[in-house]
Protein backbone atom coordinates (compact mmCIF):
# COMPACT_ATOMS: atom_id res chain seq x y z
CA UNK A 1 8.71 11.89 2.04
CA UNK A 2 10.69 12.54 5.68
CA UNK A 3 10.26 15.84 7.51
CA UNK A 4 12.18 16.91 10.53
CA UNK A 5 9.33 19.17 11.64
CA UNK A 6 6.90 18.32 14.56
CA UNK A 7 3.47 17.32 13.12
CA UNK A 8 0.02 17.82 13.90
CA UNK A 9 -0.60 14.76 15.29
CA UNK A 10 -2.99 12.80 12.65
CA UNK A 11 -2.42 15.21 10.16
CA UNK A 12 0.25 12.62 8.07
CA UNK A 13 -0.67 8.98 7.72
CA UNK A 14 2.45 7.08 9.84
CA UNK A 15 4.32 6.25 6.45
CA UNK A 16 5.07 10.00 6.52
CA UNK A 17 5.60 10.63 9.80
CA UNK A 18 8.97 8.82 9.45
CA UNK A 19 7.50 5.85 10.94
CA UNK A 20 8.61 2.25 9.15
CA UNK A 21 6.68 1.04 6.69
CA UNK A 22 6.60 -2.44 4.90
CA UNK A 23 4.79 -1.21 2.32
CA UNK A 24 5.87 1.22 0.30
CA UNK A 25 9.01 1.30 -1.32
CA UNK A 26 11.48 3.97 -2.90
CA UNK A 27 9.28 4.04 -6.21
CA UNK A 28 6.52 5.06 -3.90
CA UNK A 29 8.59 7.60 -1.73
CA UNK A 30 10.32 9.32 -5.05
CA UNK A 31 6.81 9.63 -6.49
CA UNK A 32 5.04 11.39 -3.32
CA UNK A 33 8.01 13.76 -3.15
CA UNK A 34 7.59 14.61 -6.54
CA UNK A 35 4.29 15.04 -6.88
CA UNK A 36 3.09 16.98 -3.34
CA UNK A 37 5.01 20.09 -4.78
CA UNK A 38 3.65 20.27 -7.88
CA UNK A 39 0.11 19.44 -6.50
CA UNK A 40 0.60 22.33 -4.40
CA UNK A 41 1.47 24.85 -6.81
CA UNK A 42 -1.70 23.64 -9.47
CA UNK A 43 -3.84 23.10 -7.21
CA UNK A 44 -4.04 23.39 -3.26
CA UNK A 45 -2.43 26.58 -2.95
CA UNK A 46 -5.55 28.37 -4.11
CA UNK A 47 -8.16 25.16 -3.61
CA UNK A 48 -10.39 26.80 -0.79
CA UNK A 49 -10.48 30.29 -2.50
CA UNK A 50 -11.64 27.94 -5.98
CA UNK A 51 -14.61 25.75 -4.22
CA UNK A 52 -16.07 28.77 -2.36
CA UNK A 53 -15.73 30.66 -6.21
CA UNK A 54 -17.44 27.14 -7.14
CA UNK A 55 -15.48 26.65 -10.03
CA UNK A 56 -12.27 25.85 -11.21
CA UNK A 57 -10.17 28.48 -13.76
CA UNK A 58 -9.84 26.69 -17.35
CA UNK A 59 -5.86 27.25 -17.02
CA UNK A 60 -5.84 24.72 -14.55
CA UNK A 61 -6.60 21.61 -15.91
CA UNK A 62 -3.90 22.86 -18.79
CA UNK A 63 -1.34 22.75 -16.21
CA UNK A 64 -2.43 19.59 -15.04
CA UNK A 65 -1.96 17.79 -18.06
CA UNK A 66 0.99 19.64 -18.84
CA UNK A 67 2.44 18.40 -15.56
CA UNK A 68 2.34 14.62 -16.76
CA UNK A 69 -0.32 13.98 -13.94
CA UNK A 70 -3.35 12.90 -15.85
CA UNK A 71 -2.45 8.58 -16.22
CA UNK A 72 -1.77 8.87 -12.69
CA UNK A 73 -5.78 8.68 -12.22
CA UNK A 74 -6.00 5.30 -13.83
CA UNK A 75 -6.51 1.92 -12.32
CA UNK A 76 -3.22 0.28 -12.13
CA UNK A 77 -1.19 -1.74 -13.94
CA UNK A 78 -0.99 0.63 -16.58
CA UNK A 79 -1.62 0.26 -20.25
CA UNK A 80 2.24 0.49 -20.92
CA UNK A 81 2.18 -0.04 -24.48
CA UNK A 82 -0.72 2.55 -25.43
CA UNK A 83 0.87 5.25 -22.95
CA UNK A 84 4.32 4.65 -25.02
CA UNK A 85 2.49 5.18 -28.25
CA UNK A 86 2.03 8.26 -27.18
CA UNK A 87 4.75 9.73 -25.92
CA UNK A 88 4.28 8.69 -22.40
CA UNK A 89 7.40 7.14 -20.73
CA UNK A 90 7.58 8.23 -17.05
CA UNK A 91 5.24 9.48 -14.07
CA UNK A 92 6.83 12.30 -12.11
CA UNK A 93 8.94 10.47 -9.80
CA UNK A 94 10.52 9.54 -12.49
CA UNK A 95 8.42 6.62 -11.97
CA UNK A 96 8.50 4.32 -15.07
CA UNK A 97 4.89 3.22 -16.22
CA UNK A 98 5.79 0.01 -16.24
CA UNK A 99 6.31 0.63 -12.42
CA UNK A 100 2.95 2.38 -11.35
CA UNK A 101 0.79 -0.04 -9.35
CA UNK A 102 -2.01 0.32 -7.10
CA UNK A 103 -0.04 2.19 -3.94
CA UNK A 104 1.12 4.56 -6.16
CA UNK A 105 -2.65 5.03 -7.16
CA UNK A 106 -3.51 5.42 -3.53
CA UNK A 107 -0.62 8.06 -2.90
CA UNK A 108 -1.85 9.76 -6.05
CA UNK A 109 -5.85 10.03 -4.55
CA UNK A 110 -4.32 10.39 -1.13
CA UNK A 111 -2.25 13.82 -2.20
CA UNK A 112 -5.08 14.98 -4.33
CA UNK A 113 -7.20 15.18 -1.55
CA UNK A 114 -4.57 17.47 0.43
CA UNK A 115 -6.49 20.26 0.99
CA UNK A 116 -9.49 18.54 2.72
CA UNK A 117 -11.90 19.08 -0.26
CA UNK A 118 -12.82 16.79 -2.69
CA UNK A 119 -14.23 19.14 -5.34
CA UNK A 120 -10.83 21.31 -6.63
CA UNK A 121 -9.25 17.71 -6.95
CA UNK A 122 -12.13 16.20 -8.47
CA UNK A 123 -12.72 18.78 -10.97
CA UNK A 124 -9.51 17.94 -12.85
CA UNK A 125 -9.30 13.81 -12.40
CA UNK A 126 -13.21 12.07 -12.02
CA UNK A 127 -13.72 12.27 -15.51
CA UNK A 128 -10.49 10.94 -17.10
CA UNK A 129 -10.35 8.39 -13.91
CA UNK A 130 -13.61 6.93 -14.42
CA UNK A 131 -14.79 7.63 -18.22
CA UNK A 132 -12.15 6.62 -19.90
CA UNK A 133 -10.69 2.75 -18.38
CA UNK A 134 -13.43 1.25 -20.40
CA UNK A 135 -12.40 2.50 -23.27
CA UNK A 136 -8.96 1.39 -22.44
CA UNK A 137 -10.40 -2.88 -21.65
CA UNK A 138 -13.20 -2.91 -24.18
CA UNK A 139 -12.76 -0.03 -27.10
CA UNK A 140 -12.40 -1.51 -30.66
CA UNK A 141 -8.74 -0.58 -31.75
CA UNK A 142 -10.87 1.83 -34.34
CA UNK A 143 -12.22 3.79 -30.16
CA UNK A 144 -8.43 3.67 -29.10
CA UNK A 145 -7.33 5.42 -31.59
CA UNK A 146 -10.38 7.97 -32.49
CA UNK A 147 -10.47 8.66 -28.49
CA UNK A 148 -7.38 7.96 -26.32
CA UNK A 149 -4.75 10.15 -27.64
CA UNK A 150 -6.85 13.47 -26.98
CA UNK A 151 -8.36 12.02 -23.95
CA UNK A 152 -4.77 10.85 -22.09
CA UNK A 153 -3.28 14.14 -23.29
CA UNK A 154 -5.90 16.71 -21.67
CA UNK A 155 -6.53 18.00 -25.06
CA UNK A 156 -10.31 16.53 -24.45
CA UNK A 157 -12.22 15.68 -21.46
CA UNK A 158 -14.09 12.96 -21.09
CA UNK A 159 -16.37 12.09 -18.17
CA UNK A 160 -18.89 8.27 -17.07
CA UNK A 161 -22.36 9.24 -17.02
CA UNK A 162 -24.05 6.45 -15.78
CA UNK A 163 -26.52 7.85 -12.41
CA UNK A 164 -29.92 9.20 -14.15
CA UNK A 165 -32.78 10.52 -11.86
CA UNK A 166 -34.44 7.91 -11.37
CA UNK A 167 -31.91 5.26 -11.50
CA UNK A 168 -29.43 5.87 -9.12
CA UNK A 169 -27.48 2.74 -7.35
CA UNK A 170 -30.15 1.05 -9.34
CA UNK A 171 -27.85 0.91 -12.27
CA UNK A 172 -29.65 -1.84 -14.04
CA UNK A 173 -33.01 0.25 -14.59
CA UNK A 174 -31.49 3.04 -16.17
CA UNK A 175 -33.69 4.15 -19.31
CA UNK A 176 -31.76 6.56 -21.15
CA UNK A 177 -32.25 4.48 -25.16
CA UNK A 178 -29.90 4.18 -28.36
CA UNK A 179 -32.19 2.70 -30.38
CA UNK A 180 -30.03 2.39 -34.64
CA UNK A 181 -31.41 4.82 -36.96
CA UNK A 182 -33.14 3.34 -40.22
CA UNK A 183 -29.73 2.86 -41.89
CA UNK A 184 -27.82 1.32 -39.41
CA UNK A 185 -25.26 3.30 -38.81
CA UNK A 186 -26.00 5.60 -35.82
CA UNK A 187 -27.53 4.99 -32.37
CA UNK A 188 -29.90 7.92 -31.39
CA UNK A 189 -29.86 8.25 -28.01
CA UNK A 190 -32.85 9.89 -25.80
CA UNK A 191 -32.97 10.14 -22.33
CA UNK A 192 -31.18 11.85 -19.01
CA UNK A 193 -28.36 11.72 -16.86
CA UNK A 194 -27.60 13.59 -13.56
CA UNK A 195 -25.08 13.92 -11.17
CA UNK A 196 -22.37 13.80 -13.62
CA UNK A 197 -19.28 14.90 -12.57
CA UNK A 198 -17.42 16.59 -14.82
CA UNK A 199 -19.23 16.70 -17.77
CA UNK A 200 -19.97 20.27 -17.90
CA UNK A 201 -16.84 20.64 -19.68
CA UNK A 202 -16.52 17.43 -21.05
CA UNK A 203 -16.45 16.44 -25.14
CA UNK A 204 -17.82 12.94 -24.61
CA UNK A 205 -19.25 10.85 -21.73
CA UNK A 206 -18.71 6.81 -21.83
CA UNK A 207 -22.62 6.49 -21.20
CA UNK A 208 -24.73 3.64 -20.01
CA UNK A 209 -27.43 3.47 -22.45
CA UNK A 210 -30.50 0.58 -22.89
CA UNK A 211 -30.17 -1.32 -26.26
CA UNK A 212 -32.39 -3.83 -25.20
CA UNK A 213 -36.44 -3.62 -24.84
CA UNK A 214 -37.72 -2.14 -22.38
CA UNK A 215 -37.63 -3.91 -19.04
CA UNK A 216 -34.80 -6.17 -20.12
CA UNK A 217 -32.95 -4.86 -17.08
CA UNK A 218 -28.89 -5.45 -16.55
CA UNK A 219 -29.24 -7.49 -19.66
CA UNK A 220 -30.02 -4.72 -22.49
CA UNK A 221 -26.99 -2.12 -20.99
CA UNK A 222 -24.43 -1.12 -23.12
CA UNK A 223 -22.22 1.25 -23.06
CA UNK A 224 -21.44 4.11 -26.33
CA UNK A 225 -18.94 7.15 -26.43
CA UNK A 226 -21.40 10.19 -26.74
CA UNK A 227 -20.88 13.44 -27.67
CA UNK A 228 -21.53 16.33 -24.95
CA UNK A 229 -19.64 19.94 -25.36
CA UNK A 230 -21.64 21.95 -28.23
CA UNK A 231 -23.14 18.53 -30.10
CA UNK A 232 -26.60 18.57 -31.47
CA UNK A 233 -29.33 17.38 -29.55
CA UNK A 234 -27.67 17.91 -25.87
CA UNK A 235 -28.07 20.43 -22.74
CA UNK A 236 -26.47 20.66 -20.16
CA UNK A 237 -26.49 22.23 -16.84
CA UNK A 238 -24.86 22.50 -13.37
CA UNK A 239 -26.19 21.26 -10.78
CA UNK A 240 -25.40 23.27 -7.12
CA UNK A 241 -25.23 20.57 -4.66
CA UNK A 242 -24.03 20.89 -1.20
CA UNK A 243 -20.19 19.98 -1.48
CA UNK A 244 -17.47 19.42 -4.12
CA UNK A 245 -19.54 22.31 -5.97
CA UNK A 246 -16.22 23.01 -8.27
CA UNK A 247 -16.24 19.68 -9.24
CA UNK A 248 -18.81 20.14 -11.57
CA UNK A 249 -21.97 18.33 -11.37
CA UNK A 250 -23.97 18.40 -14.07
CA UNK A 251 -27.81 17.47 -15.42
CA UNK A 252 -27.41 16.07 -18.93
CA UNK A 253 -30.02 16.21 -21.46
CA UNK A 254 -30.52 13.97 -24.78
CA UNK A 255 -32.65 14.49 -28.01
CA UNK A 256 -31.99 12.46 -31.02
CA UNK A 257 -28.25 12.67 -30.06
CA UNK A 258 -26.68 11.00 -33.26
CA UNK A 259 -23.49 8.78 -32.16
CA UNK A 260 -21.87 6.42 -34.71
CA UNK A 261 -22.48 2.34 -34.19
CA UNK A 262 -18.67 2.07 -34.23
CA UNK A 263 -18.63 4.30 -31.14
CA UNK A 264 -20.18 1.43 -28.97
CA UNK A 265 -17.56 -0.30 -26.67
CA UNK A 266 -17.02 -3.96 -26.98
CA UNK A 267 -20.21 -6.20 -28.00
CA UNK A 268 -24.24 -4.53 -27.07
CA UNK A 269 -25.43 -5.64 -24.40
CA UNK A 270 -22.74 -5.98 -22.71
CA UNK A 271 -22.55 -2.59 -20.67
CA UNK A 272 -23.96 -3.96 -17.40
CA UNK A 273 -20.23 -5.92 -16.79
CA UNK A 274 -18.46 -3.56 -18.05
CA UNK A 275 -19.28 -0.70 -15.72
CA UNK A 276 -19.13 -3.48 -12.59
CA UNK A 277 -15.39 -3.94 -13.37
CA UNK A 278 -14.78 0.08 -13.07
CA UNK A 279 -16.93 0.59 -9.75
CA UNK A 280 -13.62 -1.25 -7.65
CA UNK A 281 -11.39 1.86 -8.70
CA UNK A 282 -13.86 4.26 -8.20
CA UNK A 283 -14.93 2.78 -4.92
CA UNK A 284 -11.08 2.80 -4.11
CA UNK A 285 -10.66 6.31 -5.10
CA UNK A 286 -13.35 7.64 -3.11
CA UNK A 287 -12.16 5.81 -0.12
CA UNK A 288 -9.27 6.96 -0.46
CA UNK A 289 -9.95 10.77 -0.92
CA UNK A 290 -12.97 10.55 1.96
CA UNK A 291 -9.85 9.31 4.00
CA UNK A 292 -7.65 12.04 3.66
CA UNK A 293 -10.34 14.60 4.15
CA UNK A 294 -11.08 12.82 7.71
CA UNK A 295 -7.36 13.35 8.28
CA UNK A 296 -7.96 17.08 7.27
CA UNK A 297 -10.72 17.71 9.35
CA UNK A 298 -9.44 16.46 12.89
CA UNK A 299 -5.52 17.38 12.58
CA UNK A 300 -6.71 20.77 11.76
CA UNK A 301 -9.25 20.92 15.21
CA UNK A 302 -6.41 18.83 16.76
CA UNK A 303 -4.46 22.19 16.40
CA UNK A 304 -7.21 24.43 17.12
CA UNK A 305 -8.30 22.46 20.65
CA UNK A 306 -3.99 23.14 21.46
CA UNK A 307 -4.56 27.10 21.19
CA UNK A 308 -7.56 27.72 21.94
CA UNK A 309 -8.10 28.42 25.64
CA UNK A 310 -11.78 28.02 27.49
CA UNK A 311 -12.37 27.76 31.36
CA UNK A 312 -8.88 28.96 32.12
CA UNK A 313 -7.38 25.93 29.93
CA UNK A 314 -6.33 25.09 26.78
CA UNK A 315 -9.32 22.84 24.81
CA UNK A 316 -6.72 19.79 24.88
CA UNK A 317 -6.39 19.90 28.85
CA UNK A 318 -10.37 18.87 28.97
CA UNK A 319 -10.79 15.06 29.16
CA UNK A 320 -13.47 14.96 26.88
CA UNK A 321 -12.17 16.83 24.09
CA UNK A 322 -9.31 14.33 24.44
CA UNK A 323 -12.16 11.96 24.63
CA UNK A 324 -13.37 12.92 21.07
CA UNK A 325 -9.82 13.05 19.69
CA UNK A 326 -8.94 9.61 20.55
CA UNK A 327 -12.09 8.03 19.01
CA UNK A 328 -11.92 9.47 15.76
CA UNK A 329 -8.43 9.17 15.59
CA UNK A 330 -8.83 5.35 16.09
CA UNK A 331 -11.39 5.10 13.38
CA UNK A 332 -8.90 7.49 11.10
CA UNK A 333 -5.64 5.48 11.32
CA UNK A 334 -7.71 1.85 11.15
CA UNK A 335 -9.42 3.12 8.25
CA UNK A 336 -5.94 4.29 6.73
CA UNK A 337 -4.11 0.53 7.34
CA UNK A 338 -6.99 -1.05 5.78
CA UNK A 339 -6.52 0.99 2.82
CA UNK A 340 -2.86 0.18 3.09
CA UNK A 341 -3.32 -3.64 2.78
CA UNK A 342 -5.94 -3.22 0.61
CA UNK A 343 -3.78 -1.57 -2.02
CA UNK A 344 -1.01 -4.16 -1.56
CA UNK A 345 -2.87 -6.85 -2.13
CA UNK A 346 -4.32 -5.53 -5.43
CA UNK A 347 0.22 -5.37 -6.38
CA UNK A 348 0.50 -9.02 -6.07
CA UNK A 349 -2.90 -10.24 -7.72
CA UNK A 350 -3.99 -10.70 -11.04
CA UNK A 351 -6.51 -8.33 -12.11
CA UNK A 352 -9.20 -10.26 -12.78
CA UNK A 353 -9.01 -12.42 -9.43
CA UNK A 354 -8.56 -8.98 -7.52
CA UNK A 355 -12.23 -7.66 -9.20
CA UNK A 356 -13.53 -11.40 -8.23
CA UNK A 357 -12.09 -11.53 -4.51
CA UNK A 358 -11.91 -8.15 -3.60
CA UNK A 359 -14.71 -6.72 -5.34
CA UNK A 360 -17.31 -7.23 -2.03
CA UNK A 361 -14.66 -5.92 0.24
CA UNK A 362 -13.70 -2.74 -1.76
CA UNK A 363 -17.73 -1.63 -1.38
CA UNK A 364 -17.49 -2.04 2.24
CA UNK A 365 -13.88 -0.26 2.06
CA UNK A 366 -16.07 2.75 0.34
CA UNK A 367 -18.85 2.94 2.94
CA UNK A 368 -16.88 2.54 5.93
CA UNK A 369 -14.80 5.44 4.58
CA UNK A 370 -17.40 7.92 4.42
CA UNK A 371 -18.45 6.59 8.29
CA UNK A 372 -14.92 7.82 9.32
CA UNK A 373 -15.19 10.76 7.52
CA UNK A 374 -18.62 11.99 9.19
CA UNK A 375 -17.26 10.79 12.17
CA UNK A 376 -13.91 12.87 11.68
CA UNK A 377 -15.65 16.20 10.25
CA UNK A 378 -18.40 15.64 13.35
CA UNK A 379 -15.60 15.75 15.69
CA UNK A 380 -13.89 18.70 14.12
CA UNK A 381 -17.02 20.97 14.31
CA UNK A 382 -17.96 20.51 17.71
CA UNK A 383 -14.38 21.58 18.70
CA UNK A 384 -14.49 24.33 16.50
CA UNK A 385 -17.82 24.95 18.06
CA UNK A 386 -19.03 28.80 15.91
CA UNK A 387 -16.14 28.39 14.03
CA UNK A 388 -17.09 25.28 12.59
CA UNK A 389 -20.54 26.36 11.82
CA UNK A 390 -19.10 29.61 10.25
CA UNK A 391 -18.19 29.68 6.53
CA UNK A 392 -15.13 31.71 7.06
CA UNK A 393 -12.23 32.15 9.37
CA UNK A 394 -10.55 29.29 11.54
CA UNK A 395 -13.13 26.73 11.33
CA UNK A 396 -14.34 27.40 7.21
CA UNK A 397 -12.53 23.97 6.51
CA UNK A 398 -14.36 22.12 9.16
CA UNK A 399 -17.41 23.47 8.08
CA UNK A 400 -16.65 22.82 4.00
CA UNK A 401 -15.48 19.53 5.02
CA UNK A 402 -18.81 18.79 6.81
CA UNK A 403 -21.06 19.78 3.96
CA UNK A 404 -19.06 17.07 2.03
CA UNK A 405 -19.75 13.69 3.97
CA UNK A 406 -23.11 12.73 1.76
CA UNK A 407 -20.70 13.12 -1.27
CA UNK A 408 -18.93 10.13 0.13
CA UNK A 409 -21.67 8.45 1.30
CA UNK A 410 -23.77 8.43 -1.80
CA UNK A 411 -22.12 8.55 -4.95
CA UNK A 412 -20.18 5.70 -6.12
CA UNK A 413 -23.27 2.89 -4.42
CA UNK A 414 -24.61 4.45 -1.75
CA UNK A 415 -23.78 3.54 1.80
CA UNK A 416 -26.83 0.95 2.52
CA UNK A 417 -26.38 -0.65 -0.66
CA UNK A 418 -22.70 -0.92 -0.62
CA UNK A 419 -23.00 -2.95 2.66
CA UNK A 420 -25.56 -4.68 1.46
CA UNK A 421 -23.34 -5.56 -1.99
CA UNK A 422 -20.14 -6.65 0.52
CA UNK A 423 -21.87 -8.82 2.33
CA UNK A 424 -23.79 -10.52 -0.81
CA UNK A 425 -20.75 -10.96 -2.58
CA UNK A 426 -18.74 -12.30 0.54
CA UNK A 427 -21.85 -14.78 0.38
CA UNK A 428 -21.50 -15.31 -3.06
CA UNK A 429 -17.45 -15.90 -3.09
CA UNK A 430 -18.07 -18.51 0.15
CA UNK A 431 -20.26 -20.67 -1.97
CA UNK A 432 -19.04 -20.82 -4.92
CA UNK A 433 -15.76 -21.86 -2.99
CA UNK A 434 -17.78 -24.34 -0.91
CA UNK A 435 -18.99 -26.26 -3.81
CA UNK A 436 -15.38 -26.12 -5.80
CA UNK A 437 -14.22 -27.74 -2.40
CA UNK A 438 -17.32 -30.70 -2.81
CA UNK A 439 -16.33 -31.29 -6.25
CA UNK A 440 -12.68 -32.01 -5.46
CA UNK A 441 -13.69 -33.87 -2.83
CA UNK A 442 -15.89 -35.90 -4.92
CA UNK A 443 -13.85 -36.84 -7.38
CA UNK A 444 -10.71 -38.04 -4.88
CA UNK A 445 -13.46 -40.49 -3.91
CA UNK A 446 -13.06 -44.16 -5.25
């Protein structure tokens, strides 16, 4: 997309501001130009109103699905045969499903967050983005045929349910149990899940459960497709969190919930490894959305200080104001450049290689996105002054984004855990490659 209009500084990434790009190609530009007006009409025109009202009207998801946008939330590359079997051959653009890559995915996440708010967009895509990929990757043919047609076309909704009241980033210690019935035909699920996005309106959850003995840790975890809406033994209630309220954060109670054993994903006890493959996509999507939110906060403040006068001159004439904008802007554009680089790397690597080589860096990218958002949100609130502390008026968007900062720094792996994980993964990769080099050198000796 190109424009002849002057843009408020920091309001768009460089490639959408008429600057050359070595990364985004014609297919990406067509895709972006197609989805922006769609999302503006379906989502962004009313995003602030809906977030303030704390919920999204049900018809919005139906319109979103009818526009063919649901598969765009999935990780690239897409399962082309699966989508074509459902009659889905193209995405907006028109983009053939074969063409969709990680850069298309970054564009989609960026455009979904263009209101600056994570809640409205998350209310539509979090479930399919993170709850459906494990079914595609690890589900049996029977499971795929049973669930995916409805999920991928929007007839039913799914979510991912891992976190528990006493097990957030510490996934290996979840306590929700799934024990087989006496006849061996069902898992009987008991436990609680907390902070589950989209669950309140989801028909099923891809759920982490403990099939192993208590204390078995990661080795005792499995993934199970558990029914939610209206199912016996399932009770759900909305949780009112500080930000992203419209995304439907939910508390789930499960009491003797019967799930057919055939709805197990993959092998019993392999759930932890399956969950780990899902995190990279989740963390990248969070990082992209957070960076767009940071962009909205900072550019809104920039626009404000250009017009606002104090002490006899526009705020932009104050050196301290320019200094704050400069510091936050440098972090913002550095983060976006890293995202572009990261997504490009994904387009050049096999998925299993990327998951191994980039896992730690994905965690670091996500953690850094939260830090950048915090800096930009803080800057925006300070520059808006009292308006940035008020839930109405010109600074309302800055106040709303500021409340969403913890929603980036905590979910998807809390910031401190991500920083530690990144370094541990880098050390693990280094040691593994060093051993391989030593072995290779040993084989070369006479």
